[in-house]
C-alpha cells in the first residue's frame, strides 16, 4: 500500500491559455492538411479511374500504401527519414504528412462518388462530342462531388483527432 495519490493541481488561467493555444494549433494544422488532401485525393481518384495503366497503378499503390501503414510511421519517415535529402521543419512535415495520408482516404471517397454516377452520363457527354476531360469536368464530377462532399466533415474530424495526437 502506497497510500492515496496526491491531489491534482488546480486548473489555472495559464492552463486554459495553453489549452486554447494547442487547440488553435491543431485546428490550423488540420485545416492546412485537409486543404492539401482534397485536391490531391481528387487527382488520385481520377487517375485510378480514368488514367492510363501506369497512372492507375501508381495511384492505386499510393492509396494502398498510405491507407495500409500507420500515420505516425509516415510522419517519422517524412521528418527523420528524408532529413538527409530534404530539410523540413516540424510544422511543414506534419501538414505535408497528414495531407498526403488523408489524400488517400479522400481518393477513395471521391472514387466512390464518381462510380455512383451512372456510366450513361459519361457516355451521353461523349456522344455529344465532349472530350473525356470536359465530360468529367462538366458532367461527372459535379454529380460525383454531390455524393462525396457529405462525408468530408467526417474525414476532417478524423484528421483533427490524428493531428491532435501527432502535434
N, C-alpha and C. Protein backbone atom coordinates (compact mmCIF):
# COMPACT_ATOMS: atom_id res chain seq x y z
N UNK A 1 0.82 -1.17 0.00
CA UNK A 1 0.00 0.00 0.00
C UNK A 1 0.87 1.24 0.00
N UNK A 2 0.61 2.03 -0.97
CA UNK A 2 1.38 3.25 -1.08
C UNK A 2 0.63 4.47 -0.56
N UNK A 3 -0.61 4.34 -0.28
CA UNK A 3 -1.38 5.48 0.21
C UNK A 3 -2.15 6.16 -0.91
N UNK A 4 -2.73 7.26 -0.55
CA UNK A 4 -3.53 7.99 -1.52
C UNK A 4 -2.62 8.80 -2.46
N UNK A 5 -2.99 8.86 -3.73
CA UNK A 5 -2.19 9.70 -4.64
C UNK A 5 -2.42 11.17 -4.33
N UNK A 6 -1.45 12.00 -4.66
CA UNK A 6 -1.63 13.43 -4.37
C UNK A 6 -2.73 14.03 -5.24
N UNK A 7 -3.36 15.04 -4.75
CA UNK A 7 -4.44 15.70 -5.50
C UNK A 7 -3.84 16.45 -6.69
N UNK A 8 -4.54 16.47 -7.82
CA UNK A 8 -4.01 17.19 -8.97
C UNK A 8 -4.00 18.70 -8.70
N UNK A 9 -3.09 19.40 -9.35
CA UNK A 9 -3.06 20.86 -9.14
C UNK A 9 -4.32 21.50 -9.70
N UNK A 10 -4.72 22.61 -9.14
CA UNK A 10 -5.93 23.27 -9.65
C UNK A 10 -5.71 23.82 -11.06
N UNK A 11 -6.79 23.86 -11.81
CA UNK A 11 -6.74 24.37 -13.18
C UNK A 11 -6.72 25.89 -13.12
N UNK A 12 -5.64 26.48 -13.61
CA UNK A 12 -5.49 27.93 -13.55
C UNK A 12 -5.65 28.57 -14.92
N UNK A 13 -5.53 29.87 -14.95
CA UNK A 13 -5.68 30.62 -16.20
C UNK A 13 -4.57 30.25 -17.19
N UNK A 14 -3.38 29.96 -16.69
CA UNK A 14 -2.28 29.57 -17.56
C UNK A 14 -2.56 28.27 -18.29
N UNK A 15 -3.22 27.34 -17.60
CA UNK A 15 -3.58 26.07 -18.22
C UNK A 15 -4.59 26.28 -19.34
N UNK A 16 -5.56 27.15 -19.10
CA UNK A 16 -6.59 27.42 -20.10
C UNK A 16 -5.96 28.05 -21.34
N UNK A 17 -5.03 28.96 -21.15
CA UNK A 17 -4.34 29.60 -22.28
C UNK A 17 -3.56 28.57 -23.08
N UNK A 18 -2.85 27.69 -22.38
CA UNK A 18 -2.10 26.63 -23.08
C UNK A 18 -3.04 25.72 -23.86
N UNK A 19 -4.16 25.38 -23.26
CA UNK A 19 -5.14 24.54 -23.95
C UNK A 19 -5.66 25.21 -25.21
N UNK A 20 -6.00 26.49 -25.12
CA UNK A 20 -6.52 27.22 -26.28
C UNK A 20 -5.46 27.36 -27.38
N UNK A 21 -4.21 27.58 -27.00
CA UNK A 21 -3.13 27.65 -27.99
C UNK A 21 -2.97 26.31 -28.70
N UNK A 22 -2.99 25.24 -27.94
CA UNK A 22 -2.87 23.90 -28.53
C UNK A 22 -4.03 23.56 -29.44
N UNK A 23 -5.24 23.94 -29.03
CA UNK A 23 -6.42 23.69 -29.87
C UNK A 23 -6.34 24.49 -31.16
N UNK A 24 -5.90 25.74 -31.07
CA UNK A 24 -5.76 26.57 -32.27
C UNK A 24 -4.70 26.01 -33.21
N UNK A 25 -3.58 25.57 -32.65
CA UNK A 25 -2.51 24.99 -33.46
C UNK A 25 -3.00 23.73 -34.17
N UNK A 26 -3.72 22.88 -33.46
CA UNK A 26 -4.26 21.66 -34.05
C UNK A 26 -5.24 21.97 -35.16
N UNK A 27 -6.06 22.97 -34.96
CA UNK A 27 -7.03 23.37 -35.98
C UNK A 27 -6.34 23.90 -37.24
N UNK A 28 -5.28 24.67 -37.06
CA UNK A 28 -4.53 25.19 -38.22
C UNK A 28 -3.87 24.04 -38.98
N UNK A 29 -3.20 23.14 -38.28
CA UNK A 29 -2.54 22.01 -38.93
C UNK A 29 -3.57 21.15 -39.68
N UNK A 30 -4.70 20.88 -39.04
CA UNK A 30 -5.74 20.06 -39.67
C UNK A 30 -6.32 20.74 -40.90
N UNK A 31 -6.58 22.03 -40.81
CA UNK A 31 -7.16 22.76 -41.94
C UNK A 31 -6.22 22.78 -43.13
N UNK A 32 -4.95 23.05 -42.88
CA UNK A 32 -3.98 23.08 -43.98
C UNK A 32 -3.76 21.69 -44.58
N UNK A 33 -3.75 20.67 -43.74
CA UNK A 33 -3.60 19.31 -44.25
C UNK A 33 -4.81 18.90 -45.09
N UNK A 34 -6.00 19.28 -44.66
CA UNK A 34 -7.21 18.96 -45.43
C UNK A 34 -7.23 19.73 -46.74
N UNK A 35 -6.73 20.98 -46.72
CA UNK A 35 -6.65 21.76 -47.95
C UNK A 35 -5.70 21.10 -48.96
N UNK A 36 -4.72 20.37 -48.49
CA UNK A 36 -3.84 19.60 -49.36
C UNK A 36 -4.47 18.27 -49.76
N UNK A 37 -5.18 17.64 -48.85
CA UNK A 37 -5.74 16.31 -49.09
C UNK A 37 -6.87 16.32 -50.12
N UNK A 38 -7.68 17.35 -50.13
CA UNK A 38 -8.84 17.37 -51.03
C UNK A 38 -8.43 17.37 -52.50
N UNK A 39 -7.60 18.32 -52.97
CA UNK A 39 -7.25 18.28 -54.40
C UNK A 39 -6.38 17.06 -54.76
N UNK A 40 -5.47 16.67 -53.86
CA UNK A 40 -4.64 15.50 -54.15
C UNK A 40 -5.50 14.24 -54.21
N UNK A 41 -6.47 14.11 -53.33
CA UNK A 41 -7.36 12.95 -53.35
C UNK A 41 -8.20 12.91 -54.62
N UNK A 42 -8.66 14.07 -55.07
CA UNK A 42 -9.43 14.13 -56.31
C UNK A 42 -8.58 13.71 -57.50
N UNK A 43 -7.34 14.19 -57.55
CA UNK A 43 -6.44 13.79 -58.64
C UNK A 43 -6.15 12.29 -58.61
N UNK A 44 -5.95 11.76 -57.41
CA UNK A 44 -5.68 10.32 -57.29
C UNK A 44 -6.88 9.49 -57.75
N UNK A 45 -8.08 9.91 -57.39
CA UNK A 45 -9.26 9.13 -57.79
C UNK A 45 -9.47 9.19 -59.29
N UNK A 46 -9.24 10.34 -59.91
CA UNK A 46 -9.36 10.45 -61.36
C UNK A 46 -8.29 9.61 -62.04
N UNK A 47 -7.08 9.62 -61.50
CA UNK A 47 -6.01 8.81 -62.07
C UNK A 47 -6.33 7.32 -61.97
N UNK A 48 -6.92 6.91 -60.86
CA UNK A 48 -7.27 5.49 -60.69
C UNK A 48 -8.34 5.05 -61.67
N UNK A 49 -9.30 5.92 -61.95
CA UNK A 49 -10.43 5.52 -62.79
C UNK A 49 -10.25 5.83 -64.27
N UNK A 50 -9.59 6.94 -64.59
CA UNK A 50 -9.53 7.38 -65.97
C UNK A 50 -8.12 7.55 -66.51
N UNK A 51 -7.12 7.33 -65.69
CA UNK A 51 -5.74 7.45 -66.14
C UNK A 51 -5.34 6.22 -66.93
N UNK A 52 -4.19 6.29 -67.54
CA UNK A 52 -3.67 5.13 -68.26
C UNK A 52 -3.29 4.03 -67.27
N UNK A 53 -2.84 2.92 -67.79
CA UNK A 53 -2.50 1.79 -66.91
C UNK A 53 -1.42 2.14 -65.88
N UNK A 54 -0.41 2.90 -66.28
CA UNK A 54 0.65 3.26 -65.35
C UNK A 54 0.13 4.21 -64.27
N UNK A 55 -0.62 5.24 -64.68
CA UNK A 55 -1.16 6.20 -63.72
C UNK A 55 -2.12 5.51 -62.75
N UNK A 56 -2.93 4.61 -63.26
CA UNK A 56 -3.88 3.90 -62.40
C UNK A 56 -3.16 3.02 -61.38
N UNK A 57 -2.11 2.36 -61.83
CA UNK A 57 -1.35 1.51 -60.90
C UNK A 57 -0.61 2.33 -59.85
N UNK A 58 -0.01 3.44 -60.28
CA UNK A 58 0.70 4.29 -59.32
C UNK A 58 -0.27 4.89 -58.30
N UNK A 59 -1.42 5.35 -58.77
CA UNK A 59 -2.42 5.91 -57.85
C UNK A 59 -2.94 4.84 -56.90
N UNK A 60 -3.17 3.64 -57.40
CA UNK A 60 -3.63 2.54 -56.54
C UNK A 60 -2.58 2.18 -55.51
N UNK A 61 -1.33 2.13 -55.93
CA UNK A 61 -0.25 1.82 -55.00
C UNK A 61 -0.14 2.89 -53.91
N UNK A 62 -0.25 4.15 -54.31
CA UNK A 62 -0.22 5.25 -53.35
C UNK A 62 -1.32 5.09 -52.31
N UNK A 63 -2.53 4.86 -52.78
CA UNK A 63 -3.67 4.74 -51.87
C UNK A 63 -3.49 3.54 -50.94
N UNK A 64 -3.09 2.42 -51.48
CA UNK A 64 -2.95 1.22 -50.65
C UNK A 64 -1.82 1.35 -49.63
N UNK A 65 -0.71 1.96 -50.03
CA UNK A 65 0.42 2.13 -49.10
C UNK A 65 0.05 3.09 -48.00
N UNK A 66 -0.51 4.24 -48.37
CA UNK A 66 -0.84 5.25 -47.35
C UNK A 66 -1.97 4.81 -46.44
N UNK A 67 -2.93 4.06 -46.96
CA UNK A 67 -4.01 3.59 -46.09
C UNK A 67 -3.59 2.38 -45.27
N UNK A 68 -2.55 1.69 -45.70
CA UNK A 68 -2.14 0.45 -45.04
C UNK A 68 -1.04 0.60 -44.03
N UNK A 69 -0.49 1.79 -43.88
CA UNK A 69 0.58 1.99 -42.90
C UNK A 69 0.15 3.03 -41.87
N UNK A 70 0.63 2.92 -40.65
CA UNK A 70 0.24 3.88 -39.61
C UNK A 70 0.72 5.29 -39.94
N UNK A 71 -0.11 6.27 -39.65
CA UNK A 71 0.22 7.65 -39.97
C UNK A 71 1.44 8.13 -39.19
N UNK A 72 1.63 7.65 -37.98
CA UNK A 72 2.79 8.07 -37.20
C UNK A 72 4.09 7.59 -37.85
N UNK A 73 4.07 6.39 -38.41
CA UNK A 73 5.23 5.88 -39.14
C UNK A 73 5.52 6.75 -40.37
N UNK A 74 4.46 7.15 -41.07
CA UNK A 74 4.63 8.02 -42.23
C UNK A 74 5.23 9.36 -41.83
N UNK A 75 4.77 9.91 -40.72
CA UNK A 75 5.31 11.19 -40.25
C UNK A 75 6.78 11.06 -39.84
N UNK A 76 7.13 9.95 -39.18
CA UNK A 76 8.53 9.71 -38.81
C UNK A 76 9.41 9.61 -40.05
N UNK A 77 8.94 8.85 -41.05
CA UNK A 77 9.73 8.70 -42.27
C UNK A 77 9.88 10.03 -43.01
N UNK A 78 8.84 10.81 -43.03
CA UNK A 78 8.90 12.10 -43.71
C UNK A 78 9.84 13.05 -43.00
N UNK A 79 9.77 13.10 -41.68
CA UNK A 79 10.56 14.07 -40.93
C UNK A 79 12.00 13.60 -40.72
N UNK A 80 12.17 12.35 -40.27
CA UNK A 80 13.51 11.86 -39.96
C UNK A 80 14.16 11.13 -41.14
N UNK A 81 13.38 10.38 -41.89
CA UNK A 81 13.94 9.59 -42.98
C UNK A 81 14.40 10.42 -44.16
N UNK A 82 13.70 11.50 -44.42
CA UNK A 82 14.08 12.37 -45.54
C UNK A 82 14.99 13.51 -45.11
N UNK A 83 15.35 13.57 -43.84
CA UNK A 83 16.18 14.67 -43.33
C UNK A 83 17.50 14.83 -44.09
N UNK A 84 18.19 13.75 -44.47
CA UNK A 84 19.43 13.96 -45.23
C UNK A 84 19.18 14.54 -46.63
N UNK A 85 18.01 14.29 -47.19
CA UNK A 85 17.71 14.76 -48.55
C UNK A 85 16.92 16.05 -48.58
N UNK A 86 15.99 16.19 -47.64
CA UNK A 86 15.06 17.30 -47.66
C UNK A 86 14.89 17.83 -46.24
N UNK A 87 15.24 19.09 -46.04
CA UNK A 87 15.14 19.68 -44.71
C UNK A 87 13.76 20.29 -44.54
N UNK A 88 12.94 19.65 -43.71
CA UNK A 88 11.59 20.13 -43.41
C UNK A 88 11.49 20.45 -41.93
N UNK A 89 10.82 21.55 -41.62
CA UNK A 89 10.53 21.85 -40.23
C UNK A 89 9.43 20.93 -39.73
N UNK A 90 9.18 20.97 -38.44
CA UNK A 90 8.17 20.08 -37.86
C UNK A 90 6.78 20.41 -38.37
N UNK A 91 6.43 21.69 -38.45
CA UNK A 91 5.10 22.08 -38.89
C UNK A 91 4.85 21.73 -40.36
N UNK A 92 5.75 22.10 -41.29
CA UNK A 92 5.52 21.70 -42.69
C UNK A 92 5.50 20.18 -42.88
N UNK A 93 6.31 19.46 -42.12
CA UNK A 93 6.32 17.99 -42.23
C UNK A 93 4.99 17.42 -41.75
N UNK A 94 4.45 17.96 -40.67
CA UNK A 94 3.17 17.47 -40.15
C UNK A 94 2.05 17.76 -41.15
N UNK A 95 2.02 18.97 -41.70
CA UNK A 95 0.98 19.32 -42.66
C UNK A 95 1.09 18.47 -43.91
N UNK A 96 2.30 18.34 -44.44
CA UNK A 96 2.51 17.54 -45.64
C UNK A 96 2.19 16.07 -45.40
N UNK A 97 2.67 15.52 -44.28
CA UNK A 97 2.43 14.11 -43.99
C UNK A 97 0.96 13.79 -43.77
N UNK A 98 0.29 14.62 -42.99
CA UNK A 98 -1.14 14.39 -42.75
C UNK A 98 -1.95 14.61 -44.02
N UNK A 99 -1.57 15.62 -44.81
CA UNK A 99 -2.27 15.86 -46.07
C UNK A 99 -2.12 14.71 -47.04
N UNK A 100 -0.91 14.17 -47.12
CA UNK A 100 -0.68 13.03 -48.03
C UNK A 100 -1.42 11.79 -47.54
N UNK A 101 -1.47 11.59 -46.23
CA UNK A 101 -2.18 10.44 -45.69
C UNK A 101 -3.67 10.54 -45.96
N UNK A 102 -4.25 11.67 -45.65
CA UNK A 102 -5.69 11.81 -45.82
C UNK A 102 -6.10 11.96 -47.27
N UNK A 103 -5.15 12.28 -48.15
CA UNK A 103 -5.46 12.29 -49.58
C UNK A 103 -5.83 10.89 -50.05
N UNK A 104 -5.19 9.88 -49.48
CA UNK A 104 -5.53 8.50 -49.84
C UNK A 104 -6.96 8.17 -49.44
N UNK A 105 -7.37 8.62 -48.27
CA UNK A 105 -8.75 8.38 -47.83
C UNK A 105 -9.74 9.19 -48.66
N UNK A 106 -9.39 10.42 -48.96
CA UNK A 106 -10.26 11.25 -49.79
C UNK A 106 -10.37 10.66 -51.19
N UNK A 107 -9.30 10.09 -51.71
CA UNK A 107 -9.33 9.47 -53.04
C UNK A 107 -10.37 8.36 -53.10
N UNK A 108 -10.47 7.58 -52.04
CA UNK A 108 -11.46 6.52 -52.01
C UNK A 108 -12.88 7.08 -51.95
N UNK A 109 -13.06 8.16 -51.22
CA UNK A 109 -14.37 8.80 -51.14
C UNK A 109 -14.78 9.33 -52.51
N UNK A 110 -13.86 10.01 -53.18
CA UNK A 110 -14.17 10.57 -54.50
C UNK A 110 -14.34 9.48 -55.55
N UNK A 111 -13.57 8.42 -55.42
CA UNK A 111 -13.72 7.30 -56.36
C UNK A 111 -15.11 6.69 -56.23
N UNK A 112 -15.57 6.53 -55.01
CA UNK A 112 -16.92 6.00 -54.80
C UNK A 112 -17.97 6.96 -55.34
N UNK A 113 -17.74 8.26 -55.17
CA UNK A 113 -18.67 9.24 -55.71
C UNK A 113 -18.73 9.21 -57.22
N UNK A 114 -17.58 9.07 -57.86
CA UNK A 114 -17.54 9.00 -59.33
C UNK A 114 -18.23 7.73 -59.80
N UNK A 115 -17.99 6.63 -59.11
CA UNK A 115 -18.61 5.38 -59.52
C UNK A 115 -20.11 5.36 -59.23
N UNK A 116 -20.59 6.26 -58.38
CA UNK A 116 -22.02 6.33 -58.10
C UNK A 116 -22.78 7.03 -59.23
N UNK A 117 -22.07 7.79 -60.06
CA UNK A 117 -22.70 8.45 -61.20
C UNK A 117 -22.92 7.39 -62.29
N UNK A 118 -24.12 7.29 -62.82
CA UNK A 118 -24.36 6.28 -63.86
C UNK A 118 -23.41 6.45 -65.05
N UNK A 119 -22.91 5.33 -65.54
CA UNK A 119 -21.96 5.35 -66.65
C UNK A 119 -22.57 5.99 -67.89
N UNK A 120 -23.89 5.93 -68.01
CA UNK A 120 -24.56 6.50 -69.17
C UNK A 120 -24.41 8.02 -69.21
N UNK A 121 -24.16 8.66 -68.07
CA UNK A 121 -23.94 10.11 -68.05
C UNK A 121 -22.67 10.46 -68.83
N UNK A 122 -21.61 9.71 -68.57
CA UNK A 122 -20.36 9.92 -69.30
C UNK A 122 -20.53 9.57 -70.77
N UNK A 123 -21.21 8.47 -71.04
CA UNK A 123 -21.42 8.06 -72.44
C UNK A 123 -22.23 9.11 -73.21
N UNK A 124 -23.22 9.69 -72.56
CA UNK A 124 -24.03 10.73 -73.22
C UNK A 124 -23.20 11.96 -73.51
N UNK A 125 -22.35 12.35 -72.57
CA UNK A 125 -21.50 13.52 -72.79
C UNK A 125 -20.50 13.26 -73.91
N UNK A 126 -19.96 12.06 -73.96
CA UNK A 126 -19.04 11.72 -75.05
C UNK A 126 -19.77 11.68 -76.39
N UNK A 127 -21.02 11.22 -76.39
CA UNK A 127 -21.81 11.17 -77.63
C UNK A 127 -22.12 12.57 -78.14
N UNK A 128 -22.16 13.55 -77.24
CA UNK A 128 -22.40 14.94 -77.65
C UNK A 128 -21.14 15.60 -78.20
N UNK A 129 -20.03 14.89 -78.20
CA UNK A 129 -18.80 15.41 -78.76
C UNK A 129 -17.83 15.98 -77.73
N UNK A 130 -18.13 15.85 -76.45
CA UNK A 130 -17.22 16.33 -75.42
C UNK A 130 -16.02 15.40 -75.31
N UNK A 131 -14.88 15.98 -74.98
CA UNK A 131 -13.72 15.13 -74.68
C UNK A 131 -13.95 14.50 -73.31
N UNK A 132 -13.18 13.49 -73.01
CA UNK A 132 -13.32 12.83 -71.71
C UNK A 132 -13.05 13.82 -70.58
N UNK A 133 -12.03 14.65 -70.76
CA UNK A 133 -11.68 15.64 -69.74
C UNK A 133 -12.84 16.62 -69.50
N UNK A 134 -13.43 17.10 -70.60
CA UNK A 134 -14.54 18.05 -70.47
C UNK A 134 -15.77 17.37 -69.88
N UNK A 135 -16.02 16.14 -70.29
CA UNK A 135 -17.17 15.41 -69.76
C UNK A 135 -17.01 15.16 -68.26
N UNK A 136 -15.80 14.86 -67.83
CA UNK A 136 -15.55 14.68 -66.40
C UNK A 136 -15.79 15.99 -65.65
N UNK A 137 -15.26 17.07 -66.20
CA UNK A 137 -15.35 18.35 -65.51
C UNK A 137 -16.77 18.90 -65.45
N UNK A 138 -17.53 18.75 -66.52
CA UNK A 138 -18.85 19.37 -66.59
C UNK A 138 -20.01 18.46 -66.25
N UNK A 139 -19.83 17.15 -66.39
CA UNK A 139 -20.96 16.24 -66.20
C UNK A 139 -20.75 15.32 -65.00
N UNK A 140 -19.64 14.60 -64.99
CA UNK A 140 -19.45 13.55 -63.98
C UNK A 140 -19.05 14.12 -62.62
N UNK A 141 -18.03 14.97 -62.57
CA UNK A 141 -17.53 15.45 -61.28
C UNK A 141 -18.56 16.25 -60.48
N UNK A 142 -19.35 17.14 -61.09
CA UNK A 142 -20.35 17.82 -60.26
C UNK A 142 -21.33 16.85 -59.58
N UNK A 143 -21.72 15.81 -60.28
CA UNK A 143 -22.62 14.82 -59.67
C UNK A 143 -21.89 13.97 -58.64
N UNK A 144 -20.65 13.63 -58.94
CA UNK A 144 -19.86 12.80 -58.02
C UNK A 144 -19.58 13.55 -56.72
N UNK A 145 -19.27 14.83 -56.83
CA UNK A 145 -18.98 15.60 -55.62
C UNK A 145 -20.22 15.76 -54.75
N UNK A 146 -21.38 15.77 -55.36
CA UNK A 146 -22.62 15.82 -54.58
C UNK A 146 -22.75 14.57 -53.70
N UNK A 147 -22.24 13.46 -54.18
CA UNK A 147 -22.26 12.22 -53.38
C UNK A 147 -21.12 12.21 -52.35
N UNK A 148 -19.99 12.79 -52.72
CA UNK A 148 -18.79 12.66 -51.88
C UNK A 148 -18.67 13.73 -50.80
N UNK A 149 -19.16 14.92 -51.06
CA UNK A 149 -18.95 16.03 -50.12
C UNK A 149 -19.54 15.79 -48.73
N UNK A 150 -20.70 15.15 -48.59
CA UNK A 150 -21.22 14.96 -47.22
C UNK A 150 -20.31 14.16 -46.29
N UNK A 151 -19.39 13.37 -46.83
CA UNK A 151 -18.50 12.61 -45.94
C UNK A 151 -17.26 13.38 -45.55
N UNK A 152 -17.00 14.51 -46.19
CA UNK A 152 -15.79 15.29 -45.89
C UNK A 152 -15.71 15.76 -44.44
N UNK A 153 -16.80 16.22 -43.83
CA UNK A 153 -16.68 16.59 -42.40
C UNK A 153 -16.25 15.42 -41.51
N UNK A 154 -16.68 14.21 -41.84
CA UNK A 154 -16.24 13.04 -41.07
C UNK A 154 -14.74 12.85 -41.21
N UNK A 155 -14.24 13.01 -42.43
CA UNK A 155 -12.80 12.87 -42.65
C UNK A 155 -12.04 13.98 -41.95
N UNK A 156 -12.59 15.19 -41.94
CA UNK A 156 -11.92 16.29 -41.25
C UNK A 156 -11.86 16.03 -39.75
N UNK A 157 -12.91 15.48 -39.18
CA UNK A 157 -12.91 15.16 -37.75
C UNK A 157 -11.85 14.10 -37.45
N UNK A 158 -11.77 13.08 -38.31
CA UNK A 158 -10.74 12.06 -38.11
C UNK A 158 -9.34 12.67 -38.24
N UNK A 159 -9.18 13.57 -39.19
CA UNK A 159 -7.88 14.26 -39.35
C UNK A 159 -7.58 15.11 -38.13
N UNK A 160 -8.57 15.77 -37.59
CA UNK A 160 -8.38 16.59 -36.40
C UNK A 160 -7.90 15.75 -35.23
N UNK A 161 -8.47 14.57 -35.08
CA UNK A 161 -8.03 13.67 -34.00
C UNK A 161 -6.61 13.18 -34.24
N UNK A 162 -6.28 12.88 -35.48
CA UNK A 162 -4.94 12.42 -35.80
C UNK A 162 -3.92 13.54 -35.60
N UNK A 163 -4.26 14.74 -36.04
CA UNK A 163 -3.35 15.87 -35.87
C UNK A 163 -3.12 16.18 -34.40
N UNK A 164 -4.14 16.01 -33.60
CA UNK A 164 -4.00 16.25 -32.17
C UNK A 164 -2.97 15.31 -31.57
N UNK A 165 -2.98 14.07 -32.00
CA UNK A 165 -2.05 13.11 -31.41
C UNK A 165 -0.66 13.20 -32.01
N UNK A 166 -0.52 13.80 -33.18
CA UNK A 166 0.80 13.88 -33.80
C UNK A 166 1.47 15.22 -33.56
N UNK A 167 0.72 16.18 -33.07
CA UNK A 167 1.31 17.52 -32.87
C UNK A 167 2.06 17.56 -31.60
